[in-house]
């Protein structure tokens, strides 16, 4: 699930790994592609065939070697789901962060969901 993905990415950045690998799932791949689109990670690849498929995420660092992800706030958990309409979606960290949510049209960032007037399950905030 996306919680494991975020934890592995954060831990990989702390120990300065070049990439992290985890078992593949469609949800994780969608979240990783969204993080790559907004330059929180360099790239996300799926490797292998169906029973042993893995998700490979290449991590991103700045010139000083600091990770691109400064923090993550998980909003929905398996025990407590949090939903919001498009009117309740607000910028994260005055526009420097990103809200990720699951909508009927797939996983997307808060700004795109608000423009398309889509609400859904709030997954996490990242900055």
N, C-alpha and C. Protein backbone atom coordinates (compact mmCIF):
# COMPACT_ATOMS: atom_id res chain seq x y z
N UNK A 1 0.83 -1.18 0.00
CA UNK A 1 0.00 0.00 0.00
C UNK A 1 0.88 1.25 0.00
N UNK A 2 0.30 2.38 -0.27
CA UNK A 2 1.08 3.61 -0.42
C UNK A 2 1.80 4.01 0.85
N UNK A 3 1.35 3.54 2.01
CA UNK A 3 2.03 3.86 3.27
C UNK A 3 3.43 3.24 3.29
N UNK A 4 3.55 2.00 2.83
CA UNK A 4 4.86 1.34 2.75
C UNK A 4 5.76 2.05 1.73
N UNK A 5 5.18 2.47 0.64
CA UNK A 5 5.93 3.20 -0.39
C UNK A 5 6.55 4.47 0.19
N UNK A 6 5.74 5.26 0.87
CA UNK A 6 6.24 6.52 1.45
C UNK A 6 7.30 6.27 2.51
N UNK A 7 7.10 5.26 3.34
CA UNK A 7 8.07 4.94 4.38
C UNK A 7 9.39 4.51 3.78
N UNK A 8 9.35 3.66 2.76
CA UNK A 8 10.60 3.21 2.12
C UNK A 8 11.31 4.35 1.42
N UNK A 9 10.58 5.24 0.81
CA UNK A 9 11.21 6.39 0.15
C UNK A 9 11.87 7.29 1.18
N UNK A 10 11.18 7.61 2.27
CA UNK A 10 11.76 8.47 3.30
C UNK A 10 12.99 7.83 3.92
N UNK A 11 12.91 6.53 4.25
CA UNK A 11 14.05 5.85 4.85
C UNK A 11 15.21 5.73 3.87
N UNK A 12 14.92 5.52 2.59
CA UNK A 12 15.96 5.45 1.57
C UNK A 12 16.69 6.77 1.42
N UNK A 13 15.96 7.88 1.53
CA UNK A 13 16.61 9.19 1.44
C UNK A 13 17.50 9.46 2.64
N UNK A 14 17.10 8.99 3.81
CA UNK A 14 17.90 9.23 5.02
C UNK A 14 19.27 8.56 4.90
N UNK A 15 19.30 7.34 4.33
CA UNK A 15 20.57 6.62 4.20
C UNK A 15 21.23 6.83 2.84
N UNK A 16 20.71 7.79 2.05
CA UNK A 16 21.30 8.21 0.77
C UNK A 16 21.34 7.09 -0.27
N UNK A 17 20.29 6.28 -0.35
CA UNK A 17 20.22 5.25 -1.38
C UNK A 17 19.91 5.89 -2.73
N UNK A 18 20.34 5.21 -3.79
CA UNK A 18 20.06 5.70 -5.13
C UNK A 18 18.63 5.37 -5.54
N UNK A 19 18.16 4.19 -5.15
CA UNK A 19 16.80 3.78 -5.47
C UNK A 19 16.29 2.80 -4.42
N UNK A 20 14.98 2.62 -4.38
CA UNK A 20 14.37 1.65 -3.48
C UNK A 20 13.45 0.75 -4.30
N UNK A 21 13.32 -0.50 -3.86
CA UNK A 21 12.48 -1.47 -4.55
C UNK A 21 11.46 -2.02 -3.57
N UNK A 22 10.27 -2.32 -4.11
CA UNK A 22 9.19 -2.88 -3.29
C UNK A 22 8.27 -3.69 -4.18
N UNK A 23 7.43 -4.54 -3.59
CA UNK A 23 6.47 -5.28 -4.42
C UNK A 23 5.55 -4.33 -5.17
N UNK A 24 5.19 -4.70 -6.39
CA UNK A 24 4.40 -3.85 -7.28
C UNK A 24 2.92 -3.93 -6.94
N UNK A 25 2.26 -2.78 -6.97
CA UNK A 25 0.80 -2.71 -6.96
C UNK A 25 0.41 -1.50 -7.80
N UNK A 26 -0.80 -1.54 -8.35
CA UNK A 26 -1.27 -0.44 -9.21
C UNK A 26 -1.33 0.87 -8.44
N UNK A 27 -1.80 0.81 -7.19
CA UNK A 27 -1.93 2.02 -6.37
C UNK A 27 -0.55 2.63 -6.10
N UNK A 28 0.41 1.79 -5.72
CA UNK A 28 1.76 2.30 -5.47
C UNK A 28 2.37 2.90 -6.72
N UNK A 29 2.15 2.27 -7.87
CA UNK A 29 2.71 2.77 -9.12
C UNK A 29 2.10 4.12 -9.49
N UNK A 30 0.79 4.26 -9.27
CA UNK A 30 0.12 5.54 -9.56
C UNK A 30 0.65 6.65 -8.66
N UNK A 31 0.85 6.34 -7.38
CA UNK A 31 1.39 7.34 -6.44
C UNK A 31 2.83 7.69 -6.81
N UNK A 32 3.64 6.68 -7.14
CA UNK A 32 5.04 6.92 -7.51
C UNK A 32 5.15 7.75 -8.79
N UNK A 33 4.30 7.50 -9.77
CA UNK A 33 4.30 8.30 -10.99
C UNK A 33 3.92 9.75 -10.70
N UNK A 34 2.98 9.96 -9.79
CA UNK A 34 2.58 11.31 -9.42
C UNK A 34 3.73 12.03 -8.70
N UNK A 35 4.44 11.32 -7.83
CA UNK A 35 5.60 11.91 -7.16
C UNK A 35 6.70 12.25 -8.16
N UNK A 36 6.87 11.42 -9.18
CA UNK A 36 7.87 11.70 -10.22
C UNK A 36 7.45 12.90 -11.06
N UNK A 37 6.16 13.02 -11.35
CA UNK A 37 5.66 14.14 -12.14
C UNK A 37 5.93 15.48 -11.45
N UNK A 38 5.80 15.50 -10.12
CA UNK A 38 6.02 16.73 -9.36
C UNK A 38 7.43 16.81 -8.77
N UNK A 39 8.33 15.97 -9.25
CA UNK A 39 9.76 16.02 -8.94
C UNK A 39 10.10 15.79 -7.46
N UNK A 40 9.34 14.94 -6.79
CA UNK A 40 9.70 14.50 -5.45
C UNK A 40 10.62 13.28 -5.53
N UNK A 41 10.52 12.50 -6.63
CA UNK A 41 11.45 11.42 -6.95
C UNK A 41 11.82 11.58 -8.42
N UNK A 42 12.93 10.94 -8.82
CA UNK A 42 13.37 11.09 -10.21
C UNK A 42 12.50 10.28 -11.17
N UNK A 43 12.28 9.00 -10.86
CA UNK A 43 11.52 8.16 -11.78
C UNK A 43 10.96 6.95 -11.04
N UNK A 44 9.95 6.34 -11.63
CA UNK A 44 9.35 5.12 -11.11
C UNK A 44 9.20 4.12 -12.25
N UNK A 45 9.69 2.92 -12.04
CA UNK A 45 9.64 1.88 -13.06
C UNK A 45 9.02 0.62 -12.49
N UNK A 46 8.30 -0.12 -13.34
CA UNK A 46 7.88 -1.45 -12.94
C UNK A 46 8.75 -2.44 -13.68
N UNK A 47 9.25 -3.44 -12.96
CA UNK A 47 10.18 -4.40 -13.53
C UNK A 47 9.69 -5.82 -13.26
N UNK A 48 10.02 -6.70 -14.15
CA UNK A 48 9.70 -8.11 -13.97
C UNK A 48 8.34 -8.48 -14.54
N UNK A 49 7.98 -9.74 -14.35
CA UNK A 49 6.70 -10.26 -14.82
C UNK A 49 5.75 -10.44 -13.66
N UNK A 50 4.52 -10.77 -14.00
CA UNK A 50 3.40 -10.73 -13.06
C UNK A 50 3.64 -11.28 -11.65
N UNK A 51 4.06 -12.52 -11.45
CA UNK A 51 4.11 -12.96 -10.05
C UNK A 51 5.24 -12.32 -9.25
N UNK A 52 6.31 -11.92 -9.92
CA UNK A 52 7.46 -11.35 -9.21
C UNK A 52 7.72 -9.91 -9.60
N UNK A 53 6.72 -9.19 -10.00
CA UNK A 53 6.89 -7.81 -10.45
C UNK A 53 7.27 -6.92 -9.27
N UNK A 54 8.20 -5.99 -9.49
CA UNK A 54 8.63 -5.06 -8.46
C UNK A 54 8.53 -3.63 -8.97
N UNK A 55 8.41 -2.72 -8.04
CA UNK A 55 8.37 -1.29 -8.34
C UNK A 55 9.71 -0.71 -7.91
N UNK A 56 10.41 -0.07 -8.85
CA UNK A 56 11.72 0.52 -8.58
C UNK A 56 11.57 2.04 -8.66
N UNK A 57 11.89 2.73 -7.55
CA UNK A 57 11.75 4.18 -7.47
C UNK A 57 13.14 4.78 -7.31
N UNK A 58 13.54 5.64 -8.26
CA UNK A 58 14.83 6.32 -8.20
C UNK A 58 14.65 7.60 -7.39
N UNK A 59 15.43 7.75 -6.34
CA UNK A 59 15.28 8.88 -5.42
C UNK A 59 15.96 10.13 -5.96
N UNK A 60 15.51 11.28 -5.49
CA UNK A 60 16.00 12.58 -5.96
C UNK A 60 16.66 13.33 -4.81
N UNK A 61 17.80 13.94 -5.10
CA UNK A 61 18.55 14.73 -4.12
C UNK A 61 18.93 16.07 -4.74
N UNK A 62 19.15 17.08 -3.88
CA UNK A 62 19.62 18.37 -4.40
C UNK A 62 21.15 18.39 -4.43
N UNK A 63 21.76 19.53 -4.71
CA UNK A 63 23.21 19.63 -4.86
C UNK A 63 23.96 19.33 -3.58
N UNK A 64 23.34 19.65 -2.43
CA UNK A 64 23.99 19.38 -1.15
C UNK A 64 23.78 17.95 -0.66
N UNK A 65 23.04 17.15 -1.41
CA UNK A 65 22.78 15.77 -1.02
C UNK A 65 21.56 15.61 -0.13
N UNK A 66 20.76 16.64 -0.04
CA UNK A 66 19.56 16.59 0.79
C UNK A 66 18.40 16.03 -0.03
N UNK A 67 17.57 15.20 0.57
CA UNK A 67 16.46 14.58 -0.14
C UNK A 67 15.41 15.58 -0.57
N UNK A 68 14.71 15.29 -1.65
CA UNK A 68 13.69 16.20 -2.19
C UNK A 68 12.45 16.23 -1.29
N UNK A 69 12.21 15.17 -0.54
CA UNK A 69 11.03 15.10 0.33
C UNK A 69 11.44 15.54 1.73
N UNK A 70 10.82 16.61 2.21
CA UNK A 70 11.13 17.12 3.54
C UNK A 70 10.20 16.52 4.60
N UNK A 71 8.97 16.25 4.23
CA UNK A 71 8.03 15.70 5.20
C UNK A 71 6.79 15.13 4.53
N UNK A 72 6.11 14.24 5.26
CA UNK A 72 4.89 13.61 4.78
C UNK A 72 3.90 13.55 5.93
N UNK A 73 2.66 13.90 5.65
CA UNK A 73 1.59 13.78 6.63
C UNK A 73 0.53 12.86 6.06
N UNK A 74 0.37 11.68 6.66
CA UNK A 74 -0.61 10.71 6.19
C UNK A 74 -1.97 11.10 6.75
N UNK A 75 -2.96 11.24 5.88
CA UNK A 75 -4.29 11.66 6.29
C UNK A 75 -5.24 10.49 6.45
N UNK A 76 -5.27 9.55 5.50
CA UNK A 76 -6.14 8.38 5.58
C UNK A 76 -5.32 7.15 5.91
N UNK A 77 -5.86 6.35 6.80
CA UNK A 77 -5.26 5.09 7.18
C UNK A 77 -6.30 4.00 6.96
N UNK A 78 -5.90 2.74 6.96
CA UNK A 78 -6.91 1.69 6.77
C UNK A 78 -8.00 1.71 7.84
N UNK A 79 -7.69 2.17 9.03
CA UNK A 79 -8.68 2.18 10.10
C UNK A 79 -9.53 3.46 10.10
N UNK A 80 -9.06 4.50 9.43
CA UNK A 80 -9.78 5.77 9.43
C UNK A 80 -9.60 6.45 8.07
N UNK A 81 -10.63 6.41 7.27
CA UNK A 81 -10.59 7.03 5.95
C UNK A 81 -11.09 8.47 6.06
N UNK A 82 -10.44 9.37 5.36
CA UNK A 82 -10.82 10.78 5.37
C UNK A 82 -11.19 11.18 3.95
N UNK A 83 -12.40 11.75 3.79
CA UNK A 83 -12.90 12.15 2.49
C UNK A 83 -13.14 13.65 2.47
N UNK A 84 -13.07 14.25 1.28
CA UNK A 84 -13.33 15.67 1.14
C UNK A 84 -13.90 15.95 -0.24
N UNK A 85 -14.77 16.95 -0.31
CA UNK A 85 -15.28 17.43 -1.58
C UNK A 85 -14.28 18.40 -2.19
N UNK A 86 -14.50 18.77 -3.43
CA UNK A 86 -13.53 19.65 -4.08
C UNK A 86 -13.47 21.03 -3.44
N UNK A 87 -14.54 21.46 -2.77
CA UNK A 87 -14.53 22.77 -2.11
C UNK A 87 -13.67 22.78 -0.86
N UNK A 88 -13.39 21.60 -0.31
CA UNK A 88 -12.60 21.49 0.93
C UNK A 88 -11.10 21.29 0.66
N UNK A 89 -10.68 21.30 -0.59
CA UNK A 89 -9.27 21.09 -0.94
C UNK A 89 -8.56 22.44 -0.93
N UNK A 90 -7.50 22.54 -0.12
CA UNK A 90 -6.74 23.78 0.03
C UNK A 90 -5.26 23.53 -0.26
N UNK A 91 -4.49 24.57 -0.58
CA UNK A 91 -3.05 24.41 -0.83
C UNK A 91 -2.32 23.90 0.42
N UNK A 92 -1.25 23.16 0.18
CA UNK A 92 -0.42 22.61 1.25
C UNK A 92 0.83 23.46 1.37
N UNK A 93 1.14 23.91 2.56
CA UNK A 93 2.34 24.72 2.83
C UNK A 93 2.45 25.92 1.89
N UNK A 94 1.39 26.68 1.78
CA UNK A 94 1.29 27.87 0.94
C UNK A 94 1.70 27.59 -0.51
N UNK A 95 1.38 26.40 -1.00
CA UNK A 95 1.66 26.05 -2.38
C UNK A 95 2.97 25.32 -2.60
N UNK A 96 3.80 25.15 -1.58
CA UNK A 96 5.08 24.46 -1.73
C UNK A 96 4.94 22.95 -1.56
N UNK A 97 3.82 22.49 -1.09
CA UNK A 97 3.58 21.06 -0.92
C UNK A 97 2.51 20.59 -1.88
N UNK A 98 2.12 19.33 -1.69
CA UNK A 98 1.13 18.74 -2.57
C UNK A 98 0.23 17.82 -1.76
N UNK A 99 -1.06 17.87 -2.08
CA UNK A 99 -2.04 16.96 -1.50
C UNK A 99 -2.31 15.87 -2.53
N UNK A 100 -2.29 14.63 -2.09
CA UNK A 100 -2.57 13.51 -2.99
C UNK A 100 -3.87 12.87 -2.54
N UNK A 101 -4.78 12.68 -3.50
CA UNK A 101 -6.05 12.05 -3.16
C UNK A 101 -6.47 11.06 -4.23
N UNK A 102 -7.31 10.14 -3.81
CA UNK A 102 -7.84 9.12 -4.70
C UNK A 102 -9.24 9.54 -5.12
N UNK A 103 -9.45 9.76 -6.40
CA UNK A 103 -10.73 10.22 -6.93
C UNK A 103 -11.33 9.12 -7.81
N UNK A 104 -12.56 9.30 -8.26
CA UNK A 104 -13.12 8.34 -9.20
C UNK A 104 -12.35 8.24 -10.52
N UNK A 105 -11.57 9.26 -10.86
CA UNK A 105 -10.75 9.24 -12.08
C UNK A 105 -9.31 8.85 -11.81
N UNK A 106 -9.00 8.31 -10.64
CA UNK A 106 -7.66 7.84 -10.32
C UNK A 106 -6.98 8.71 -9.27
N UNK A 107 -5.73 8.40 -9.01
CA UNK A 107 -4.93 9.13 -8.03
C UNK A 107 -4.45 10.42 -8.68
N UNK A 108 -4.68 11.56 -8.01
CA UNK A 108 -4.25 12.84 -8.56
C UNK A 108 -3.91 13.81 -7.44
N UNK A 109 -3.27 14.91 -7.81
CA UNK A 109 -2.92 15.94 -6.84
C UNK A 109 -4.13 16.82 -6.57
N UNK A 110 -4.07 17.56 -5.47
CA UNK A 110 -5.19 18.39 -5.05
C UNK A 110 -5.56 19.49 -6.02
N UNK A 111 -4.56 20.10 -6.64
CA UNK A 111 -4.83 21.20 -7.57
C UNK A 111 -5.61 20.71 -8.78
N UNK A 112 -5.21 19.58 -9.35
CA UNK A 112 -5.91 19.03 -10.52
C UNK A 112 -7.31 18.58 -10.14
N UNK A 113 -7.47 17.99 -8.96
CA UNK A 113 -8.78 17.54 -8.52
C UNK A 113 -9.72 18.72 -8.33
N UNK A 114 -9.21 19.81 -7.78
CA UNK A 114 -10.04 20.99 -7.57
C UNK A 114 -10.45 21.61 -8.91
N UNK A 115 -9.55 21.65 -9.88
CA UNK A 115 -9.87 22.20 -11.19
C UNK A 115 -10.93 21.36 -11.91
N UNK A 116 -10.87 20.04 -11.72
CA UNK A 116 -11.84 19.16 -12.36
C UNK A 116 -13.10 18.96 -11.51
N UNK A 117 -13.15 19.66 -10.37
CA UNK A 117 -14.27 19.56 -9.42
C UNK A 117 -14.53 18.13 -8.98
N UNK A 118 -13.43 17.47 -8.54
CA UNK A 118 -13.50 16.10 -8.05
C UNK A 118 -13.08 16.05 -6.59
N UNK A 119 -13.83 15.36 -5.79
CA UNK A 119 -13.45 15.10 -4.41
C UNK A 119 -13.05 13.64 -4.30
N UNK A 120 -12.72 13.22 -3.10
CA UNK A 120 -12.36 11.82 -2.91
C UNK A 120 -11.68 11.59 -1.59
N UNK A 121 -11.00 10.47 -1.50
CA UNK A 121 -10.29 10.10 -0.28
C UNK A 121 -8.95 10.81 -0.22
N UNK A 122 -8.71 11.56 0.85
CA UNK A 122 -7.43 12.24 1.04
C UNK A 122 -6.40 11.20 1.48
N UNK A 123 -5.32 11.05 0.74
CA UNK A 123 -4.32 10.05 1.07
C UNK A 123 -3.21 10.63 1.96
N UNK A 124 -2.50 11.65 1.44
CA UNK A 124 -1.41 12.25 2.22
C UNK A 124 -1.04 13.61 1.67
N UNK A 125 -0.31 14.36 2.50
CA UNK A 125 0.30 15.63 2.07
C UNK A 125 1.81 15.41 2.06
N UNK A 126 2.48 16.01 1.08
CA UNK A 126 3.93 15.86 0.98
C UNK A 126 4.55 17.23 0.66
N UNK A 127 5.70 17.50 1.23
CA UNK A 127 6.40 18.76 0.97
C UNK A 127 7.89 18.55 1.03
